[in-house]
Amino acid sequence: MIRITIQDGQQTISFPSDEQALLCLVAGCSVNPKSLAELLIASDIYQRGIAAAVMADLMEFDKTLRREGPDFIHALISQAQEQRQPLDLTFQVVDEVTAQAATQPVAGEMVLIDLLLQTIRASAGVHIPAAGEIRIRAGETARNPKVTYILPQNWTVQPL
């Protein structure tokens, strides 16, 4: 599991994902998105449904936050940290506790995508190529074509 955190100047979100979805998001950065919405739309081209899945999980987080309050979210984060387990929760940064959980890996790998600074920072176990091929996932078709993506020159990939 890889925890992906995306910042866009208006908001910061964080969610668990796999390497394939991460590469779709990296490929989405090739269009120079300025916002989370632009990145999700661009990434949805490579993996149909990724935008809807992330947004649905964020809506669920918002409902839980309103219903249970921040203490409930803090307890989930604390429990994962105490057990040294990956946090299996999609969330929006709403305070210092969620900000720390979004930017400091406890277990597993982490990638931070900063759309304002046009930077992708990854923990040591994650390799992010500035250019590469990605297989388009549009359902369960037997033949998923590959496309090439290239991050613009103003984007940097750095270690976390």
N, C-alpha and C. Protein backbone atom coordinates (compact mmCIF):
# COMPACT_ATOMS: atom_id res chain seq x y z
N MET A 1 0.83 -1.18 0.00
CA MET A 1 0.00 0.00 0.00
C MET A 1 0.88 1.25 0.00
N ILE A 2 0.41 2.24 -0.72
CA ILE A 2 1.09 3.53 -0.79
C ILE A 2 0.10 4.59 -0.33
N ARG A 3 0.50 5.45 0.60
CA ARG A 3 -0.34 6.58 0.99
C ARG A 3 0.01 7.72 0.06
N ILE A 4 -1.00 8.25 -0.63
CA ILE A 4 -0.81 9.36 -1.56
C ILE A 4 -1.46 10.59 -0.95
N THR A 5 -0.70 11.66 -0.85
CA THR A 5 -1.20 12.93 -0.34
C THR A 5 -1.07 13.96 -1.45
N ILE A 6 -2.16 14.67 -1.71
CA ILE A 6 -2.19 15.67 -2.78
C ILE A 6 -2.54 17.02 -2.18
N GLN A 7 -1.73 18.03 -2.49
CA GLN A 7 -1.96 19.40 -2.04
C GLN A 7 -2.17 20.28 -3.26
N ASP A 8 -3.14 21.22 -3.16
CA ASP A 8 -3.35 22.11 -4.29
C ASP A 8 -3.50 23.58 -3.94
N GLY A 9 -3.21 23.97 -2.71
CA GLY A 9 -3.34 25.36 -2.32
C GLY A 9 -4.66 25.64 -1.63
N GLN A 10 -5.70 24.92 -1.99
CA GLN A 10 -7.01 25.06 -1.37
C GLN A 10 -7.27 23.96 -0.36
N GLN A 11 -6.70 22.80 -0.62
CA GLN A 11 -6.97 21.64 0.23
C GLN A 11 -5.85 20.63 0.12
N THR A 12 -5.83 19.74 1.10
CA THR A 12 -4.91 18.61 1.10
C THR A 12 -5.73 17.37 1.40
N ILE A 13 -5.56 16.36 0.56
CA ILE A 13 -6.24 15.08 0.79
C ILE A 13 -5.21 13.99 0.84
N SER A 14 -5.58 12.87 1.47
CA SER A 14 -4.66 11.76 1.59
C SER A 14 -5.46 10.47 1.53
N PHE A 15 -4.93 9.48 0.81
CA PHE A 15 -5.66 8.22 0.67
C PHE A 15 -4.69 7.07 0.38
N PRO A 16 -5.09 5.86 0.78
CA PRO A 16 -4.29 4.68 0.47
C PRO A 16 -4.56 4.25 -0.96
N SER A 17 -3.53 3.74 -1.61
CA SER A 17 -3.70 3.33 -3.00
C SER A 17 -2.66 2.27 -3.35
N ASP A 18 -2.67 1.90 -4.63
CA ASP A 18 -1.68 0.95 -5.12
C ASP A 18 -0.78 1.63 -6.14
N GLU A 19 0.22 0.90 -6.60
CA GLU A 19 1.20 1.48 -7.52
C GLU A 19 0.58 1.88 -8.86
N GLN A 20 -0.36 1.10 -9.36
CA GLN A 20 -1.00 1.41 -10.64
C GLN A 20 -1.74 2.75 -10.57
N ALA A 21 -2.52 2.95 -9.51
CA ALA A 21 -3.25 4.21 -9.37
C ALA A 21 -2.27 5.38 -9.20
N LEU A 22 -1.18 5.14 -8.47
CA LEU A 22 -0.16 6.18 -8.31
C LEU A 22 0.38 6.60 -9.66
N LEU A 23 0.73 5.63 -10.50
CA LEU A 23 1.27 5.96 -11.82
C LEU A 23 0.24 6.71 -12.67
N CYS A 24 -1.03 6.41 -12.50
CA CYS A 24 -2.08 7.16 -13.21
C CYS A 24 -2.09 8.61 -12.75
N LEU A 25 -1.92 8.84 -11.45
CA LEU A 25 -1.88 10.21 -10.93
C LEU A 25 -0.63 10.94 -11.41
N VAL A 26 0.50 10.24 -11.43
CA VAL A 26 1.74 10.84 -11.95
C VAL A 26 1.55 11.21 -13.41
N ALA A 27 0.97 10.31 -14.19
CA ALA A 27 0.70 10.61 -15.60
C ALA A 27 -0.25 11.79 -15.72
N GLY A 28 -1.22 11.89 -14.81
CA GLY A 28 -2.14 13.03 -14.81
C GLY A 28 -1.42 14.35 -14.58
N CYS A 29 -0.30 14.31 -13.86
CA CYS A 29 0.49 15.53 -13.63
C CYS A 29 1.12 16.05 -14.92
N SER A 30 1.18 15.21 -15.96
CA SER A 30 1.80 15.62 -17.22
C SER A 30 1.04 16.75 -17.91
N VAL A 31 -0.20 17.01 -17.49
CA VAL A 31 -0.98 18.11 -18.09
C VAL A 31 -0.90 19.38 -17.25
N ASN A 32 -0.01 19.40 -16.24
CA ASN A 32 0.16 20.56 -15.37
C ASN A 32 -1.12 20.97 -14.65
N PRO A 33 -1.76 20.05 -13.94
CA PRO A 33 -3.01 20.42 -13.25
C PRO A 33 -2.74 21.43 -12.14
N LYS A 34 -3.67 22.33 -11.95
CA LYS A 34 -3.54 23.36 -10.91
C LYS A 34 -4.36 23.04 -9.67
N SER A 35 -5.28 22.08 -9.80
CA SER A 35 -6.16 21.75 -8.68
C SER A 35 -6.34 20.24 -8.59
N LEU A 36 -6.85 19.82 -7.45
CA LEU A 36 -7.15 18.41 -7.25
C LEU A 36 -8.13 17.92 -8.31
N ALA A 37 -9.16 18.71 -8.56
CA ALA A 37 -10.16 18.31 -9.56
C ALA A 37 -9.52 18.11 -10.94
N GLU A 38 -8.65 19.02 -11.34
CA GLU A 38 -7.97 18.88 -12.64
C GLU A 38 -7.10 17.63 -12.68
N LEU A 39 -6.40 17.33 -11.57
CA LEU A 39 -5.56 16.14 -11.53
C LEU A 39 -6.41 14.87 -11.63
N LEU A 40 -7.51 14.83 -10.90
CA LEU A 40 -8.36 13.64 -10.93
C LEU A 40 -8.97 13.42 -12.31
N ILE A 41 -9.39 14.49 -12.95
CA ILE A 41 -9.95 14.37 -14.30
C ILE A 41 -8.89 13.87 -15.27
N ALA A 42 -7.69 14.44 -15.18
CA ALA A 42 -6.60 14.01 -16.07
C ALA A 42 -6.21 12.55 -15.81
N SER A 43 -6.23 12.12 -14.56
CA SER A 43 -5.86 10.75 -14.20
C SER A 43 -6.92 9.75 -14.61
N ASP A 44 -8.17 10.19 -14.64
CA ASP A 44 -9.28 9.31 -14.98
C ASP A 44 -9.16 8.79 -16.42
N ILE A 45 -8.42 9.49 -17.25
CA ILE A 45 -8.18 9.04 -18.62
C ILE A 45 -7.40 7.73 -18.60
N TYR A 46 -6.49 7.59 -17.64
CA TYR A 46 -5.62 6.42 -17.56
C TYR A 46 -6.26 5.26 -16.78
N GLN A 47 -7.10 5.61 -15.81
CA GLN A 47 -7.79 4.58 -15.03
C GLN A 47 -9.21 5.06 -14.77
N ARG A 48 -10.11 4.59 -15.59
CA ARG A 48 -11.50 5.02 -15.47
C ARG A 48 -12.03 4.73 -14.07
N GLY A 49 -12.63 5.74 -13.46
CA GLY A 49 -13.24 5.58 -12.15
C GLY A 49 -12.39 6.04 -10.99
N ILE A 50 -11.13 6.39 -11.23
CA ILE A 50 -10.26 6.81 -10.12
C ILE A 50 -10.78 8.11 -9.49
N ALA A 51 -11.23 9.04 -10.30
CA ALA A 51 -11.75 10.31 -9.77
C ALA A 51 -13.01 10.07 -8.93
N ALA A 52 -13.92 9.28 -9.44
CA ALA A 52 -15.17 9.00 -8.71
C ALA A 52 -14.88 8.27 -7.41
N ALA A 53 -13.94 7.34 -7.41
CA ALA A 53 -13.61 6.58 -6.21
C ALA A 53 -13.03 7.49 -5.12
N VAL A 54 -12.10 8.35 -5.50
CA VAL A 54 -11.50 9.26 -4.52
C VAL A 54 -12.56 10.22 -3.99
N MET A 55 -13.37 10.78 -4.86
CA MET A 55 -14.41 11.72 -4.41
C MET A 55 -15.45 11.04 -3.53
N ALA A 56 -15.82 9.81 -3.84
CA ALA A 56 -16.79 9.07 -3.00
C ALA A 56 -16.19 8.82 -1.62
N ASP A 57 -14.92 8.46 -1.57
CA ASP A 57 -14.27 8.23 -0.27
C ASP A 57 -14.18 9.53 0.53
N LEU A 58 -13.91 10.64 -0.14
CA LEU A 58 -13.86 11.94 0.55
C LEU A 58 -15.24 12.34 1.09
N MET A 59 -16.30 12.05 0.33
CA MET A 59 -17.65 12.34 0.81
C MET A 59 -17.98 11.49 2.04
N GLU A 60 -17.54 10.24 2.03
CA GLU A 60 -17.75 9.36 3.18
C GLU A 60 -16.99 9.89 4.40
N PHE A 61 -15.76 10.36 4.19
CA PHE A 61 -14.99 10.97 5.28
C PHE A 61 -15.73 12.17 5.83
N ASP A 62 -16.24 13.02 4.95
CA ASP A 62 -16.95 14.22 5.38
C ASP A 62 -18.19 13.86 6.21
N LYS A 63 -18.92 12.85 5.77
CA LYS A 63 -20.10 12.40 6.54
C LYS A 63 -19.69 11.89 7.92
N THR A 64 -18.63 11.10 7.96
CA THR A 64 -18.15 10.57 9.24
C THR A 64 -17.67 11.69 10.14
N LEU A 65 -16.97 12.65 9.59
CA LEU A 65 -16.47 13.79 10.36
C LEU A 65 -17.63 14.58 10.96
N ARG A 66 -18.67 14.82 10.17
CA ARG A 66 -19.83 15.57 10.69
C ARG A 66 -20.61 14.76 11.71
N ARG A 67 -20.73 13.46 11.49
CA ARG A 67 -21.53 12.61 12.37
C ARG A 67 -20.78 12.29 13.67
N GLU A 68 -19.50 11.91 13.56
CA GLU A 68 -18.74 11.42 14.71
C GLU A 68 -17.80 12.46 15.32
N GLY A 69 -17.44 13.48 14.53
CA GLY A 69 -16.53 14.51 15.02
C GLY A 69 -15.07 14.15 14.79
N PRO A 70 -14.18 15.12 14.98
CA PRO A 70 -12.76 14.89 14.72
C PRO A 70 -12.12 13.89 15.67
N ASP A 71 -12.65 13.76 16.89
CA ASP A 71 -12.06 12.81 17.84
C ASP A 71 -12.11 11.38 17.31
N PHE A 72 -13.17 11.04 16.58
CA PHE A 72 -13.30 9.71 16.00
C PHE A 72 -12.20 9.48 14.96
N ILE A 73 -11.96 10.48 14.11
CA ILE A 73 -10.91 10.39 13.09
C ILE A 73 -9.54 10.31 13.77
N HIS A 74 -9.33 11.12 14.80
CA HIS A 74 -8.06 11.10 15.53
C HIS A 74 -7.81 9.72 16.15
N ALA A 75 -8.87 9.09 16.65
CA ALA A 75 -8.74 7.76 17.25
C ALA A 75 -8.32 6.73 16.20
N LEU A 76 -8.89 6.81 15.00
CA LEU A 76 -8.50 5.89 13.92
C LEU A 76 -7.03 6.07 13.56
N ILE A 77 -6.60 7.32 13.46
CA ILE A 77 -5.21 7.62 13.14
C ILE A 77 -4.29 7.11 14.24
N SER A 78 -4.65 7.39 15.48
CA SER A 78 -3.84 6.97 16.62
C SER A 78 -3.73 5.45 16.71
N GLN A 79 -4.83 4.77 16.48
CA GLN A 79 -4.83 3.31 16.52
C GLN A 79 -3.89 2.72 15.46
N ALA A 80 -3.94 3.25 14.26
CA ALA A 80 -3.05 2.77 13.20
C ALA A 80 -1.59 3.04 13.56
N GLN A 81 -1.31 4.21 14.12
CA GLN A 81 0.06 4.55 14.49
C GLN A 81 0.57 3.65 15.61
N GLU A 82 -0.26 3.40 16.61
CA GLU A 82 0.14 2.55 17.74
C GLU A 82 0.43 1.13 17.27
N GLN A 83 -0.34 0.64 16.34
CA GLN A 83 -0.17 -0.73 15.84
C GLN A 83 0.85 -0.80 14.70
N ARG A 84 1.42 0.37 14.34
CA ARG A 84 2.38 0.46 13.24
C ARG A 84 1.80 -0.16 11.97
N GLN A 85 0.53 0.12 11.72
CA GLN A 85 -0.19 -0.38 10.56
C GLN A 85 -0.48 0.78 9.61
N PRO A 86 -0.55 0.51 8.31
CA PRO A 86 -0.95 1.55 7.36
C PRO A 86 -2.36 2.04 7.69
N LEU A 87 -2.58 3.31 7.52
CA LEU A 87 -3.88 3.91 7.78
C LEU A 87 -4.76 3.71 6.55
N ASP A 88 -5.77 2.90 6.68
CA ASP A 88 -6.67 2.59 5.56
C ASP A 88 -7.86 3.54 5.59
N LEU A 89 -7.57 4.82 5.37
CA LEU A 89 -8.59 5.86 5.47
C LEU A 89 -8.28 6.95 4.45
N THR A 90 -9.29 7.32 3.70
CA THR A 90 -9.18 8.50 2.83
C THR A 90 -9.68 9.68 3.64
N PHE A 91 -8.91 10.76 3.65
CA PHE A 91 -9.35 11.91 4.45
C PHE A 91 -8.84 13.22 3.86
N GLN A 92 -9.47 14.28 4.31
CA GLN A 92 -9.04 15.63 3.98
C GLN A 92 -8.37 16.19 5.23
N VAL A 93 -7.29 16.91 5.06
CA VAL A 93 -6.61 17.51 6.20
C VAL A 93 -7.51 18.61 6.76
N VAL A 94 -7.84 18.45 8.05
CA VAL A 94 -8.72 19.40 8.72
C VAL A 94 -8.09 20.01 9.96
N ASP A 95 -6.96 19.45 10.42
CA ASP A 95 -6.29 19.96 11.62
C ASP A 95 -4.86 19.41 11.66
N GLU A 96 -4.17 19.68 12.76
CA GLU A 96 -2.76 19.25 12.86
C GLU A 96 -2.60 17.73 12.87
N VAL A 97 -3.54 17.03 13.49
CA VAL A 97 -3.45 15.57 13.57
C VAL A 97 -3.56 14.96 12.18
N THR A 98 -4.52 15.41 11.40
CA THR A 98 -4.68 14.87 10.05
C THR A 98 -3.54 15.35 9.14
N ALA A 99 -3.02 16.55 9.38
CA ALA A 99 -1.89 17.04 8.59
C ALA A 99 -0.66 16.16 8.81
N GLN A 100 -0.42 15.77 10.05
CA GLN A 100 0.71 14.90 10.35
C GLN A 100 0.52 13.52 9.72
N ALA A 101 -0.69 12.98 9.82
CA ALA A 101 -0.96 11.65 9.24
C ALA A 101 -0.81 11.68 7.72
N ALA A 102 -1.08 12.82 7.10
CA ALA A 102 -1.01 12.94 5.64
C ALA A 102 0.41 13.09 5.12
N THR A 103 1.34 13.50 5.99
CA THR A 103 2.68 13.81 5.50
C THR A 103 3.80 12.98 6.13
N GLN A 104 3.47 12.14 7.10
CA GLN A 104 4.51 11.34 7.74
C GLN A 104 4.11 9.87 7.72
N PRO A 105 4.80 9.08 6.92
CA PRO A 105 4.43 7.66 6.84
C PRO A 105 4.72 6.93 8.14
N VAL A 106 3.78 6.08 8.54
CA VAL A 106 3.98 5.25 9.72
C VAL A 106 4.38 3.85 9.29
N ALA A 107 3.64 3.30 8.37
CA ALA A 107 3.93 1.98 7.82
C ALA A 107 3.60 2.04 6.33
N GLY A 108 4.41 1.42 5.54
CA GLY A 108 4.18 1.48 4.10
C GLY A 108 4.90 2.64 3.47
N GLU A 109 4.59 2.88 2.22
CA GLU A 109 5.25 3.93 1.45
C GLU A 109 4.38 5.16 1.37
N MET A 110 4.98 6.30 1.00
CA MET A 110 4.24 7.55 0.90
C MET A 110 4.71 8.35 -0.30
N VAL A 111 3.75 9.02 -0.94
CA VAL A 111 4.04 9.94 -2.03
C VAL A 111 3.25 11.22 -1.78
N LEU A 112 3.94 12.36 -1.88
CA LEU A 112 3.31 13.67 -1.74
C LEU A 112 3.34 14.36 -3.10
N ILE A 113 2.17 14.74 -3.58
CA ILE A 113 2.07 15.47 -4.85
C ILE A 113 1.64 16.89 -4.52
N ASP A 114 2.51 17.85 -4.77
CA ASP A 114 2.21 19.25 -4.50
C ASP A 114 1.97 19.94 -5.85
N LEU A 115 0.72 20.26 -6.12
CA LEU A 115 0.36 20.84 -7.41
C LEU A 115 0.83 22.29 -7.54
N LEU A 116 0.94 23.02 -6.42
CA LEU A 116 1.43 24.39 -6.49
C LEU A 116 2.92 24.44 -6.78
N LEU A 117 3.68 23.63 -6.06
CA LEU A 117 5.13 23.61 -6.25
C LEU A 117 5.56 22.72 -7.41
N GLN A 118 4.60 21.98 -7.98
CA GLN A 118 4.85 21.06 -9.10
C GLN A 118 5.97 20.08 -8.74
N THR A 119 5.76 19.45 -7.57
CA THR A 119 6.75 18.53 -7.02
C THR A 119 6.07 17.23 -6.62
N ILE A 120 6.75 16.13 -6.90
CA ILE A 120 6.32 14.83 -6.42
C ILE A 120 7.44 14.31 -5.54
N ARG A 121 7.12 14.04 -4.28
CA ARG A 121 8.12 13.52 -3.34
C ARG A 121 7.69 12.12 -2.93
N ALA A 122 8.63 11.19 -2.99
CA ALA A 122 8.30 9.79 -2.71
C ALA A 122 9.27 9.19 -1.70
N SER A 123 8.74 8.30 -0.86
CA SER A 123 9.58 7.58 0.09
C SER A 123 10.51 6.64 -0.68
N ALA A 124 11.52 6.14 0.01
CA ALA A 124 12.61 5.40 -0.63
C ALA A 124 12.17 4.19 -1.45
N GLY A 125 11.10 3.53 -1.06
CA GLY A 125 10.69 2.33 -1.75
C GLY A 125 9.85 2.54 -2.99
N VAL A 126 9.59 3.79 -3.34
CA VAL A 126 8.74 4.10 -4.48
C VAL A 126 9.56 4.78 -5.57
N HIS A 127 9.55 4.19 -6.75
CA HIS A 127 10.26 4.79 -7.89
C HIS A 127 9.23 5.48 -8.78
N ILE A 128 9.44 6.76 -9.01
CA ILE A 128 8.54 7.53 -9.87
C ILE A 128 9.33 8.07 -11.04
N PRO A 129 9.12 7.50 -12.22
CA PRO A 129 9.82 8.02 -13.39
C PRO A 129 9.18 9.31 -13.90
N ALA A 130 10.01 10.26 -14.34
CA ALA A 130 9.49 11.51 -14.90
C ALA A 130 8.86 11.28 -16.27
N ALA A 131 9.18 10.16 -16.87
CA ALA A 131 8.57 9.76 -18.14
C ALA A 131 8.43 8.25 -18.12
N GLY A 132 7.37 7.78 -18.72
CA GLY A 132 7.19 6.34 -18.74
C GLY A 132 5.95 5.94 -19.51
N GLU A 133 5.71 4.65 -19.51
CA GLU A 133 4.52 4.11 -20.16
C GLU A 133 3.56 3.64 -19.08
N ILE A 134 2.29 3.82 -19.37
CA ILE A 134 1.27 3.37 -18.45
C ILE A 134 0.17 2.68 -19.23
N ARG A 135 -0.33 1.61 -18.69
CA ARG A 135 -1.40 0.86 -19.33
C ARG A 135 -2.73 1.50 -18.94
N ILE A 136 -3.53 1.81 -19.93
CA ILE A 136 -4.85 2.40 -19.68
C ILE A 136 -5.78 1.31 -19.16
N ARG A 137 -6.41 1.60 -18.02
CA ARG A 137 -7.34 0.64 -17.43
C ARG A 137 -8.75 1.20 -17.57
N ALA A 138 -9.48 0.65 -18.51
CA ALA A 138 -10.84 1.11 -18.78
C ALA A 138 -11.79 -0.07 -18.66
N GLY A 139 -11.79 -0.68 -17.49
CA GLY A 139 -12.65 -1.83 -17.30
C GLY A 139 -11.85 -3.11 -17.37
N GLU A 140 -12.54 -4.19 -17.65
CA GLU A 140 -11.91 -5.51 -17.64
C GLU A 140 -11.63 -6.01 -19.06
N THR A 141 -11.20 -5.14 -19.93
CA THR A 141 -10.90 -5.56 -21.29
C THR A 141 -9.60 -6.34 -21.32
N ALA A 142 -9.51 -7.26 -22.24
CA ALA A 142 -8.32 -8.11 -22.35
C ALA A 142 -7.13 -7.32 -22.87
N ARG A 143 -7.37 -6.34 -23.73
CA ARG A 143 -6.28 -5.56 -24.31
C ARG A 143 -6.38 -4.13 -23.83
N ASN A 144 -5.51 -3.76 -22.91
CA ASN A 144 -5.44 -2.38 -22.44
C ASN A 144 -4.20 -1.74 -23.05
N PRO A 145 -4.39 -0.74 -23.91
CA PRO A 145 -3.24 -0.14 -24.59
C PRO A 145 -2.35 0.63 -23.61
N LYS A 146 -1.10 0.78 -24.02
CA LYS A 146 -0.15 1.57 -23.24
C LYS A 146 -0.01 2.94 -23.90
N VAL A 147 0.17 3.95 -23.05
CA VAL A 147 0.45 5.30 -23.54
C VAL A 147 1.67 5.82 -22.80
N THR A 148 2.34 6.76 -23.41
CA THR A 148 3.51 7.37 -22.82
C THR A 148 3.14 8.69 -22.18
N TYR A 149 3.68 8.95 -21.00
CA TYR A 149 3.51 10.25 -20.36
C TYR A 149 4.89 10.84 -20.11
N ILE A 150 4.95 12.16 -20.07
CA ILE A 150 6.19 12.88 -19.76
C ILE A 150 5.82 14.04 -18.86
N LEU A 151 6.41 14.10 -17.67
CA LEU A 151 6.18 15.24 -16.80
C LEU A 151 6.81 16.48 -17.42
N PRO A 152 6.15 17.62 -17.36
CA PRO A 152 6.75 18.85 -17.89
C PRO A 152 8.06 19.18 -17.17
N GLN A 153 8.90 19.95 -17.80
CA GLN A 153 10.22 20.29 -17.26
C GLN A 153 10.14 21.01 -15.93
N ASN A 154 9.04 21.73 -15.67
CA ASN A 154 8.93 22.48 -14.42
C ASN A 154 8.55 21.59 -13.23
N TRP A 155 8.27 20.31 -13.47
CA TRP A 155 7.96 19.37 -12.40
C TRP A 155 9.24 18.68 -11.94
N THR A 156 9.33 18.43 -10.63
CA THR A 156 10.48 17.71 -10.09
C THR A 156 9.99 16.49 -9.30
N VAL A 157 10.80 15.46 -9.32
CA VAL A 157 10.56 14.26 -8.53
C VAL A 157 11.71 14.18 -7.54
N GLN A 158 11.36 14.16 -6.25
CA GLN A 158 12.38 14.20 -5.19
C GLN A 158 12.13 13.10 -4.18
N PRO A 159 13.19 12.72 -3.44
CA PRO A 159 12.97 11.77 -2.34
C PRO A 159 12.28 12.46 -1.17
N LEU A 160 11.56 11.68 -0.44
CA LEU A 160 10.84 12.20 0.73
C LEU A 160 11.74 12.18 1.94
